[in-house]
């Protein structure tokens, strides 16, 4: 671990803490900035033992492509879900499906579950780390094999490229 990460083990979290402190402060005085800096350094440092080890991001291009796919999917899924919930209720076929995972990193599996949950119409329910299966609730399921293939192709495969796992 480099010297920078010893002082700021979670630099993004430190920036968020400082930003939130300054937003909540009555006035951005020098004293408030100093208190915010102390908290931004002390809190992540004090909790560093609780943060999981993360794999190193190794492919920025793949990460940007995954982000673009995810954002496009969120927009499309919003439109589809709006049409589904505004239509006849009896047409919906909610279901759970199991997505067998090829990746074996707990952090990346959790990230996949988060991506699935942030996409309208799907929620990750559980990650079984013994069988490496992601359980997903789908608002409307027509073909489970197609849904599993879609999650694996659009999210899991790119995540494996991003983190090389």
N, C-alpha and C. Protein backbone atom coordinates (compact mmCIF):
# COMPACT_ATOMS: atom_id res chain seq x y z
N UNK A 1 0.85 -1.17 0.00
CA UNK A 1 0.00 0.00 0.00
C UNK A 1 0.90 1.23 0.00
N UNK A 2 0.66 2.15 -0.93
CA UNK A 2 1.48 3.34 -1.03
C UNK A 2 1.18 4.30 0.12
N UNK A 3 2.06 5.28 0.30
CA UNK A 3 1.89 6.26 1.37
C UNK A 3 0.59 7.04 1.25
N UNK A 4 0.18 7.35 0.02
CA UNK A 4 -1.07 8.09 -0.20
C UNK A 4 -2.25 7.32 0.37
N UNK A 5 -2.32 6.01 0.07
CA UNK A 5 -3.45 5.20 0.53
C UNK A 5 -3.35 4.86 2.01
N UNK A 6 -2.18 5.00 2.62
CA UNK A 6 -2.09 4.84 4.08
C UNK A 6 -2.77 6.00 4.78
N UNK A 7 -2.59 7.20 4.23
CA UNK A 7 -3.21 8.39 4.81
C UNK A 7 -4.68 8.47 4.42
N UNK A 8 -4.98 8.22 3.16
CA UNK A 8 -6.36 8.28 2.65
C UNK A 8 -6.72 6.92 2.05
N UNK A 9 -7.10 5.95 2.89
CA UNK A 9 -7.38 4.62 2.36
C UNK A 9 -8.59 4.59 1.43
N UNK A 10 -9.49 5.55 1.56
CA UNK A 10 -10.68 5.65 0.71
C UNK A 10 -10.80 7.10 0.23
N UNK A 11 -10.01 7.50 -0.79
CA UNK A 11 -10.01 8.91 -1.19
C UNK A 11 -11.38 9.43 -1.65
N UNK A 12 -12.15 8.61 -2.34
CA UNK A 12 -13.48 9.05 -2.78
C UNK A 12 -14.37 9.30 -1.56
N UNK A 13 -14.30 8.39 -0.60
CA UNK A 13 -15.09 8.57 0.62
C UNK A 13 -14.65 9.83 1.36
N UNK A 14 -13.35 10.09 1.39
CA UNK A 14 -12.86 11.31 2.03
C UNK A 14 -13.43 12.56 1.36
N UNK A 15 -13.45 12.56 0.03
CA UNK A 15 -14.02 13.71 -0.69
C UNK A 15 -15.51 13.86 -0.41
N UNK A 16 -16.21 12.74 -0.34
CA UNK A 16 -17.64 12.79 -0.04
C UNK A 16 -17.89 13.32 1.37
N UNK A 17 -17.09 12.88 2.33
CA UNK A 17 -17.25 13.36 3.71
C UNK A 17 -16.99 14.86 3.78
N UNK A 18 -15.90 15.31 3.16
CA UNK A 18 -15.58 16.74 3.17
C UNK A 18 -16.69 17.53 2.48
N UNK A 19 -17.12 17.07 1.32
CA UNK A 19 -18.19 17.78 0.60
C UNK A 19 -19.48 17.85 1.39
N UNK A 20 -19.86 16.73 1.99
CA UNK A 20 -21.09 16.70 2.79
C UNK A 20 -20.98 17.62 4.01
N UNK A 21 -19.81 17.60 4.65
CA UNK A 21 -19.61 18.47 5.81
C UNK A 21 -19.76 19.94 5.41
N UNK A 22 -19.16 20.31 4.29
CA UNK A 22 -19.23 21.71 3.87
C UNK A 22 -20.64 22.10 3.43
N UNK A 23 -21.38 21.15 2.85
CA UNK A 23 -22.76 21.44 2.47
C UNK A 23 -23.63 21.65 3.70
N UNK A 24 -23.40 20.84 4.73
CA UNK A 24 -24.22 20.92 5.95
C UNK A 24 -23.78 22.03 6.89
N UNK A 25 -22.58 22.55 6.70
CA UNK A 25 -22.09 23.63 7.58
C UNK A 25 -22.89 24.91 7.32
N UNK A 26 -23.15 25.68 8.39
CA UNK A 26 -23.91 26.92 8.21
C UNK A 26 -23.20 27.91 7.29
N UNK A 27 -21.87 27.96 7.37
CA UNK A 27 -21.09 28.85 6.52
C UNK A 27 -19.73 28.19 6.27
N UNK A 28 -19.20 28.26 5.06
CA UNK A 28 -17.91 27.63 4.77
C UNK A 28 -16.73 28.45 5.29
N UNK A 29 -16.57 28.48 6.60
CA UNK A 29 -15.47 29.22 7.21
C UNK A 29 -14.22 28.34 7.21
N UNK A 30 -13.09 28.95 7.53
CA UNK A 30 -11.84 28.20 7.61
C UNK A 30 -11.94 27.10 8.66
N UNK A 31 -12.59 27.39 9.77
CA UNK A 31 -12.77 26.38 10.82
C UNK A 31 -13.59 25.19 10.34
N UNK A 32 -14.65 25.46 9.60
CA UNK A 32 -15.47 24.37 9.07
C UNK A 32 -14.69 23.53 8.06
N UNK A 33 -13.88 24.18 7.24
CA UNK A 33 -13.06 23.45 6.27
C UNK A 33 -12.06 22.56 7.01
N UNK A 34 -11.43 23.09 8.07
CA UNK A 34 -10.47 22.29 8.84
C UNK A 34 -11.14 21.11 9.53
N UNK A 35 -12.30 21.32 10.13
CA UNK A 35 -13.03 20.21 10.75
C UNK A 35 -13.40 19.17 9.69
N UNK A 36 -13.86 19.64 8.53
CA UNK A 36 -14.20 18.73 7.44
C UNK A 36 -13.01 17.92 6.98
N UNK A 37 -11.84 18.56 6.87
CA UNK A 37 -10.62 17.85 6.47
C UNK A 37 -10.21 16.81 7.51
N UNK A 38 -10.31 17.18 8.78
CA UNK A 38 -9.97 16.23 9.85
C UNK A 38 -10.89 15.02 9.78
N UNK A 39 -12.19 15.25 9.63
CA UNK A 39 -13.14 14.14 9.53
C UNK A 39 -12.90 13.32 8.26
N UNK A 40 -12.59 14.00 7.15
CA UNK A 40 -12.37 13.32 5.88
C UNK A 40 -11.15 12.42 5.91
N UNK A 41 -10.18 12.75 6.76
CA UNK A 41 -8.99 11.90 6.90
C UNK A 41 -9.21 10.86 8.00
N UNK A 42 -9.78 11.28 9.12
CA UNK A 42 -9.88 10.40 10.29
C UNK A 42 -10.90 9.27 10.12
N UNK A 43 -12.07 9.56 9.59
CA UNK A 43 -13.12 8.53 9.51
C UNK A 43 -12.74 7.36 8.60
N UNK A 44 -12.31 7.60 7.36
CA UNK A 44 -11.90 6.46 6.53
C UNK A 44 -10.68 5.73 7.11
N UNK A 45 -9.77 6.47 7.72
CA UNK A 45 -8.59 5.83 8.30
C UNK A 45 -8.99 4.93 9.46
N UNK A 46 -9.89 5.42 10.32
CA UNK A 46 -10.32 4.65 11.49
C UNK A 46 -11.12 3.41 11.10
N UNK A 47 -11.78 3.45 9.95
CA UNK A 47 -12.61 2.32 9.54
C UNK A 47 -11.96 1.47 8.45
N UNK A 48 -10.70 1.68 8.16
CA UNK A 48 -10.04 0.99 7.05
C UNK A 48 -10.05 -0.53 7.19
N UNK A 49 -10.08 -1.04 8.41
CA UNK A 49 -10.12 -2.48 8.61
C UNK A 49 -11.44 -3.12 8.21
N UNK A 50 -12.48 -2.32 8.12
CA UNK A 50 -13.80 -2.83 7.75
C UNK A 50 -14.04 -2.84 6.25
N UNK A 51 -13.20 -2.15 5.49
CA UNK A 51 -13.39 -2.07 4.04
C UNK A 51 -12.84 -3.33 3.40
N UNK A 52 -13.59 -3.92 2.47
CA UNK A 52 -13.10 -5.14 1.82
C UNK A 52 -11.95 -4.83 0.87
N UNK A 53 -11.12 -5.83 0.67
CA UNK A 53 -10.09 -5.69 -0.37
C UNK A 53 -10.81 -5.69 -1.71
N UNK A 54 -10.41 -4.78 -2.57
CA UNK A 54 -11.04 -4.71 -3.88
C UNK A 54 -10.03 -5.12 -4.94
N UNK A 55 -10.52 -5.74 -5.99
CA UNK A 55 -9.61 -6.02 -7.10
C UNK A 55 -9.26 -4.71 -7.80
N UNK A 56 -8.15 -4.72 -8.43
CA UNK A 56 -7.68 -3.52 -9.12
C UNK A 56 -8.41 -3.36 -10.46
N UNK A 57 -8.87 -2.15 -10.72
CA UNK A 57 -9.49 -1.84 -12.00
C UNK A 57 -8.39 -1.87 -13.05
N UNK A 58 -8.49 -2.77 -14.03
CA UNK A 58 -7.39 -2.97 -14.96
C UNK A 58 -7.69 -2.53 -16.38
N UNK A 59 -8.95 -2.26 -16.71
CA UNK A 59 -9.30 -1.94 -18.09
C UNK A 59 -10.29 -0.77 -18.09
N UNK A 60 -9.77 0.43 -18.20
CA UNK A 60 -10.60 1.64 -18.16
C UNK A 60 -11.57 1.68 -19.34
N UNK A 61 -11.10 1.26 -20.52
CA UNK A 61 -11.97 1.26 -21.70
C UNK A 61 -13.18 0.36 -21.50
N UNK A 62 -12.95 -0.83 -20.95
CA UNK A 62 -14.07 -1.75 -20.69
C UNK A 62 -15.00 -1.16 -19.63
N UNK A 63 -14.45 -0.46 -18.65
CA UNK A 63 -15.27 0.17 -17.61
C UNK A 63 -16.16 1.26 -18.22
N UNK A 64 -15.61 2.05 -19.12
CA UNK A 64 -16.40 3.10 -19.76
C UNK A 64 -17.49 2.51 -20.67
N UNK A 65 -17.15 1.42 -21.38
CA UNK A 65 -18.16 0.75 -22.21
C UNK A 65 -19.28 0.17 -21.34
N UNK A 66 -18.90 -0.44 -20.21
CA UNK A 66 -19.90 -0.98 -19.29
C UNK A 66 -20.79 0.13 -18.76
N UNK A 67 -20.21 1.26 -18.40
CA UNK A 67 -20.99 2.40 -17.92
C UNK A 67 -21.99 2.87 -18.98
N UNK A 68 -21.54 2.95 -20.24
CA UNK A 68 -22.43 3.38 -21.32
C UNK A 68 -23.58 2.38 -21.52
N UNK A 69 -23.26 1.10 -21.50
CA UNK A 69 -24.29 0.06 -21.64
C UNK A 69 -25.28 0.15 -20.48
N UNK A 70 -24.75 0.29 -19.27
CA UNK A 70 -25.60 0.37 -18.08
C UNK A 70 -26.53 1.58 -18.16
N UNK A 71 -26.01 2.75 -18.50
CA UNK A 71 -26.85 3.95 -18.57
C UNK A 71 -27.92 3.81 -19.65
N UNK A 72 -27.55 3.25 -20.80
CA UNK A 72 -28.55 3.03 -21.86
C UNK A 72 -29.61 2.04 -21.39
N UNK A 73 -29.18 0.98 -20.70
CA UNK A 73 -30.14 -0.01 -20.19
C UNK A 73 -31.08 0.59 -19.15
N UNK A 74 -30.57 1.47 -18.31
CA UNK A 74 -31.41 2.11 -17.30
C UNK A 74 -32.50 2.95 -17.98
N UNK A 75 -32.12 3.70 -19.00
CA UNK A 75 -33.10 4.53 -19.72
C UNK A 75 -34.15 3.65 -20.39
N UNK A 76 -33.70 2.62 -21.10
CA UNK A 76 -34.65 1.73 -21.78
C UNK A 76 -35.54 0.99 -20.78
N UNK A 77 -34.93 0.51 -19.69
CA UNK A 77 -35.70 -0.25 -18.70
C UNK A 77 -36.75 0.64 -18.02
N UNK A 78 -36.44 1.91 -17.83
CA UNK A 78 -37.43 2.84 -17.27
C UNK A 78 -38.66 2.93 -18.17
N UNK A 79 -38.43 3.01 -19.46
CA UNK A 79 -39.55 3.09 -20.40
C UNK A 79 -40.36 1.79 -20.41
N UNK A 80 -39.66 0.67 -20.42
CA UNK A 80 -40.33 -0.64 -20.44
C UNK A 80 -41.13 -0.85 -19.16
N UNK A 81 -40.52 -0.56 -18.01
CA UNK A 81 -41.21 -0.75 -16.73
C UNK A 81 -42.41 0.19 -16.62
N UNK A 82 -42.27 1.42 -17.08
CA UNK A 82 -43.41 2.35 -17.05
C UNK A 82 -44.57 1.79 -17.87
N UNK A 83 -44.27 1.26 -19.04
CA UNK A 83 -45.32 0.68 -19.88
C UNK A 83 -45.93 -0.55 -19.20
N UNK A 84 -45.09 -1.35 -18.55
CA UNK A 84 -45.59 -2.56 -17.90
C UNK A 84 -46.50 -2.24 -16.71
N UNK A 85 -46.10 -1.30 -15.89
CA UNK A 85 -46.90 -1.03 -14.68
C UNK A 85 -48.14 -0.19 -14.98
N UNK A 86 -48.11 0.55 -16.08
CA UNK A 86 -49.29 1.33 -16.46
C UNK A 86 -50.27 0.51 -17.28
N UNK A 87 -49.83 -0.66 -17.73
CA UNK A 87 -50.70 -1.55 -18.49
C UNK A 87 -51.48 -2.46 -17.56
N UNK A 88 -52.15 -3.43 -18.13
CA UNK A 88 -52.93 -4.38 -17.32
C UNK A 88 -52.03 -5.15 -16.35
N UNK A 89 -52.44 -5.19 -15.08
CA UNK A 89 -51.63 -5.84 -14.05
C UNK A 89 -51.52 -7.34 -14.30
N UNK A 90 -52.55 -7.95 -14.82
CA UNK A 90 -52.55 -9.39 -15.04
C UNK A 90 -51.51 -9.85 -16.05
N UNK A 91 -50.97 -8.94 -16.84
CA UNK A 91 -49.96 -9.31 -17.84
C UNK A 91 -48.58 -9.49 -17.24
N UNK A 92 -48.34 -8.93 -16.07
CA UNK A 92 -47.01 -9.05 -15.45
C UNK A 92 -46.78 -10.48 -14.99
N UNK A 93 -45.54 -10.95 -15.17
CA UNK A 93 -45.15 -12.28 -14.70
C UNK A 93 -43.88 -12.14 -13.85
N UNK A 94 -44.02 -11.69 -12.60
CA UNK A 94 -42.84 -11.58 -11.75
C UNK A 94 -42.29 -12.96 -11.42
N UNK A 95 -40.98 -13.02 -11.29
CA UNK A 95 -40.34 -14.31 -11.00
C UNK A 95 -38.94 -14.09 -10.46
N UNK A 96 -38.43 -15.12 -9.81
CA UNK A 96 -37.03 -15.16 -9.40
C UNK A 96 -36.28 -16.00 -10.41
N UNK A 97 -35.04 -15.63 -10.67
CA UNK A 97 -34.20 -16.47 -11.50
C UNK A 97 -32.82 -16.53 -10.89
N UNK A 98 -32.11 -17.59 -11.18
CA UNK A 98 -30.75 -17.77 -10.67
C UNK A 98 -29.77 -17.61 -11.82
N UNK A 99 -28.80 -16.73 -11.60
CA UNK A 99 -27.77 -16.46 -12.60
C UNK A 99 -26.48 -17.11 -12.11
N UNK A 100 -26.03 -18.21 -12.73
CA UNK A 100 -24.76 -18.80 -12.32
C UNK A 100 -23.61 -17.86 -12.70
N UNK A 101 -22.73 -17.60 -11.75
CA UNK A 101 -21.65 -16.64 -11.97
C UNK A 101 -20.37 -17.33 -12.38
N UNK A 102 -19.68 -16.74 -13.36
CA UNK A 102 -18.36 -17.20 -13.75
C UNK A 102 -17.28 -16.51 -12.92
N UNK A 103 -17.59 -15.34 -12.40
CA UNK A 103 -16.60 -14.62 -11.58
C UNK A 103 -16.60 -15.19 -10.17
N UNK A 104 -15.49 -15.02 -9.48
CA UNK A 104 -15.35 -15.58 -8.13
C UNK A 104 -14.88 -14.55 -7.11
N UNK A 105 -14.91 -13.29 -7.46
CA UNK A 105 -14.48 -12.24 -6.55
C UNK A 105 -15.70 -11.66 -5.84
N UNK A 106 -15.72 -11.67 -4.50
CA UNK A 106 -16.89 -11.16 -3.76
C UNK A 106 -17.22 -9.70 -4.08
N UNK A 107 -16.20 -8.87 -4.24
CA UNK A 107 -16.44 -7.45 -4.54
C UNK A 107 -17.11 -7.29 -5.90
N UNK A 108 -16.60 -8.00 -6.90
CA UNK A 108 -17.15 -7.89 -8.25
C UNK A 108 -18.55 -8.50 -8.31
N UNK A 109 -18.77 -9.59 -7.56
CA UNK A 109 -20.12 -10.18 -7.50
C UNK A 109 -21.10 -9.20 -6.87
N UNK A 110 -20.67 -8.50 -5.84
CA UNK A 110 -21.53 -7.49 -5.21
C UNK A 110 -21.79 -6.33 -6.15
N UNK A 111 -20.77 -5.93 -6.89
CA UNK A 111 -20.93 -4.87 -7.88
C UNK A 111 -21.93 -5.29 -8.96
N UNK A 112 -21.87 -6.54 -9.40
CA UNK A 112 -22.84 -7.05 -10.37
C UNK A 112 -24.25 -7.00 -9.78
N UNK A 113 -24.40 -7.42 -8.53
CA UNK A 113 -25.70 -7.35 -7.88
C UNK A 113 -26.21 -5.92 -7.79
N UNK A 114 -25.32 -4.98 -7.55
CA UNK A 114 -25.72 -3.56 -7.48
C UNK A 114 -26.18 -3.05 -8.85
N UNK A 115 -25.45 -3.42 -9.89
CA UNK A 115 -25.83 -3.01 -11.25
C UNK A 115 -27.21 -3.55 -11.59
N UNK A 116 -27.44 -4.83 -11.27
CA UNK A 116 -28.74 -5.44 -11.55
C UNK A 116 -29.84 -4.72 -10.76
N UNK A 117 -29.57 -4.39 -9.50
CA UNK A 117 -30.58 -3.72 -8.67
C UNK A 117 -30.88 -2.30 -9.14
N UNK A 118 -29.89 -1.63 -9.71
CA UNK A 118 -30.09 -0.26 -10.18
C UNK A 118 -30.81 -0.21 -11.52
N UNK A 119 -30.93 -1.34 -12.19
CA UNK A 119 -31.64 -1.39 -13.47
C UNK A 119 -33.12 -1.63 -13.18
N UNK A 120 -34.00 -0.71 -13.58
CA UNK A 120 -35.43 -0.87 -13.28
C UNK A 120 -35.99 -2.20 -13.79
N UNK A 121 -36.82 -2.81 -12.95
CA UNK A 121 -37.44 -4.07 -13.30
C UNK A 121 -36.72 -5.28 -12.75
N UNK A 122 -35.53 -5.08 -12.18
CA UNK A 122 -34.77 -6.19 -11.60
C UNK A 122 -34.21 -5.78 -10.25
N UNK A 123 -34.13 -6.74 -9.35
CA UNK A 123 -33.53 -6.52 -8.04
C UNK A 123 -32.74 -7.77 -7.69
N UNK A 124 -31.48 -7.59 -7.30
CA UNK A 124 -30.73 -8.76 -6.84
C UNK A 124 -31.18 -9.08 -5.42
N UNK A 125 -31.47 -10.35 -5.18
CA UNK A 125 -31.99 -10.76 -3.88
C UNK A 125 -30.92 -11.40 -3.02
N UNK A 126 -30.00 -12.12 -3.64
CA UNK A 126 -28.98 -12.83 -2.85
C UNK A 126 -27.82 -13.21 -3.76
N UNK A 127 -26.64 -13.23 -3.16
CA UNK A 127 -25.47 -13.79 -3.83
C UNK A 127 -25.05 -15.00 -3.01
N UNK A 128 -25.20 -16.16 -3.58
CA UNK A 128 -24.80 -17.40 -2.91
C UNK A 128 -23.33 -17.65 -3.25
N UNK A 129 -22.45 -17.41 -2.28
CA UNK A 129 -21.01 -17.52 -2.54
C UNK A 129 -20.50 -18.95 -2.40
N UNK A 130 -21.35 -19.87 -2.00
CA UNK A 130 -20.95 -21.28 -2.01
C UNK A 130 -21.14 -21.86 -3.41
N UNK A 131 -22.27 -21.53 -4.04
CA UNK A 131 -22.55 -22.01 -5.40
C UNK A 131 -22.22 -20.96 -6.46
N UNK A 132 -21.89 -19.74 -6.05
CA UNK A 132 -21.64 -18.61 -6.93
C UNK A 132 -22.81 -18.41 -7.89
N UNK A 133 -23.95 -18.10 -7.27
CA UNK A 133 -25.19 -17.85 -8.00
C UNK A 133 -25.77 -16.53 -7.50
N UNK A 134 -26.20 -15.71 -8.44
CA UNK A 134 -26.89 -14.45 -8.12
C UNK A 134 -28.38 -14.69 -8.31
N UNK A 135 -29.14 -14.50 -7.24
CA UNK A 135 -30.59 -14.64 -7.35
C UNK A 135 -31.18 -13.27 -7.64
N UNK A 136 -31.99 -13.19 -8.69
CA UNK A 136 -32.54 -11.92 -9.16
C UNK A 136 -34.06 -12.02 -9.23
N UNK A 137 -34.74 -10.99 -8.73
CA UNK A 137 -36.19 -10.89 -8.91
C UNK A 137 -36.43 -10.00 -10.12
N UNK A 138 -37.26 -10.51 -11.03
CA UNK A 138 -37.58 -9.80 -12.27
C UNK A 138 -39.06 -9.44 -12.24
N UNK A 139 -39.38 -8.20 -12.58
CA UNK A 139 -40.77 -7.74 -12.58
C UNK A 139 -41.62 -8.49 -13.61
N UNK A 140 -41.04 -8.74 -14.78
CA UNK A 140 -41.78 -9.43 -15.84
C UNK A 140 -40.80 -10.35 -16.57
N UNK A 141 -41.00 -11.65 -16.41
CA UNK A 141 -40.08 -12.63 -17.00
C UNK A 141 -40.79 -13.43 -18.07
N UNK A 142 -40.27 -13.34 -19.28
CA UNK A 142 -40.83 -14.13 -20.38
C UNK A 142 -40.00 -15.38 -20.62
N UNK A 143 -38.67 -15.25 -20.60
CA UNK A 143 -37.79 -16.38 -20.88
C UNK A 143 -36.60 -16.31 -19.92
N UNK A 144 -36.54 -17.25 -18.98
CA UNK A 144 -35.49 -17.19 -17.96
C UNK A 144 -34.10 -17.39 -18.57
N UNK A 145 -33.97 -18.27 -19.54
CA UNK A 145 -32.66 -18.49 -20.16
C UNK A 145 -32.17 -17.23 -20.86
N UNK A 146 -33.08 -16.53 -21.52
CA UNK A 146 -32.72 -15.29 -22.20
C UNK A 146 -32.33 -14.21 -21.19
N UNK A 147 -33.05 -14.13 -20.07
CA UNK A 147 -32.74 -13.13 -19.05
C UNK A 147 -31.37 -13.40 -18.42
N UNK A 148 -31.08 -14.67 -18.14
CA UNK A 148 -29.78 -15.03 -17.58
C UNK A 148 -28.67 -14.69 -18.57
N UNK A 149 -28.86 -15.05 -19.83
CA UNK A 149 -27.85 -14.76 -20.86
C UNK A 149 -27.63 -13.26 -21.00
N UNK A 150 -28.70 -12.48 -20.89
CA UNK A 150 -28.59 -11.03 -21.00
C UNK A 150 -27.75 -10.45 -19.86
N UNK A 151 -28.01 -10.87 -18.63
CA UNK A 151 -27.24 -10.38 -17.48
C UNK A 151 -25.78 -10.77 -17.60
N UNK A 152 -25.53 -12.00 -18.01
CA UNK A 152 -24.15 -12.47 -18.14
C UNK A 152 -23.41 -11.72 -19.24
N UNK A 153 -24.07 -11.51 -20.38
CA UNK A 153 -23.41 -10.87 -21.52
C UNK A 153 -23.25 -9.37 -21.32
N UNK A 154 -24.27 -8.70 -20.81
CA UNK A 154 -24.23 -7.25 -20.73
C UNK A 154 -23.51 -6.71 -19.50
N UNK A 155 -23.47 -7.51 -18.41
CA UNK A 155 -22.89 -7.00 -17.17
C UNK A 155 -21.75 -7.86 -16.63
N UNK A 156 -21.96 -9.17 -16.51
CA UNK A 156 -20.93 -10.00 -15.90
C UNK A 156 -19.67 -10.07 -16.76
N UNK A 157 -19.81 -10.35 -18.04
CA UNK A 157 -18.64 -10.46 -18.92
C UNK A 157 -17.83 -9.15 -18.95
N UNK A 158 -18.48 -7.98 -19.10
CA UNK A 158 -17.70 -6.74 -19.04
C UNK A 158 -17.03 -6.51 -17.69
N UNK A 159 -17.72 -6.86 -16.59
CA UNK A 159 -17.10 -6.71 -15.27
C UNK A 159 -15.85 -7.58 -15.15
N UNK A 160 -15.90 -8.77 -15.72
CA UNK A 160 -14.72 -9.65 -15.68
C UNK A 160 -13.57 -9.03 -16.47
N UNK A 161 -13.89 -8.31 -17.56
CA UNK A 161 -12.84 -7.63 -18.33
C UNK A 161 -12.29 -6.43 -17.55
N UNK A 162 -13.19 -5.70 -16.90
CA UNK A 162 -12.78 -4.50 -16.15
C UNK A 162 -11.82 -4.88 -15.03
N UNK A 163 -12.11 -5.97 -14.31
CA UNK A 163 -11.31 -6.35 -13.15
C UNK A 163 -10.42 -7.56 -13.39
N UNK A 164 -10.46 -8.12 -14.59
CA UNK A 164 -9.67 -9.32 -14.95
C UNK A 164 -9.82 -10.41 -13.90
N UNK A 165 -11.05 -10.85 -13.72
CA UNK A 165 -11.29 -11.92 -12.76
C UNK A 165 -12.17 -13.00 -13.37
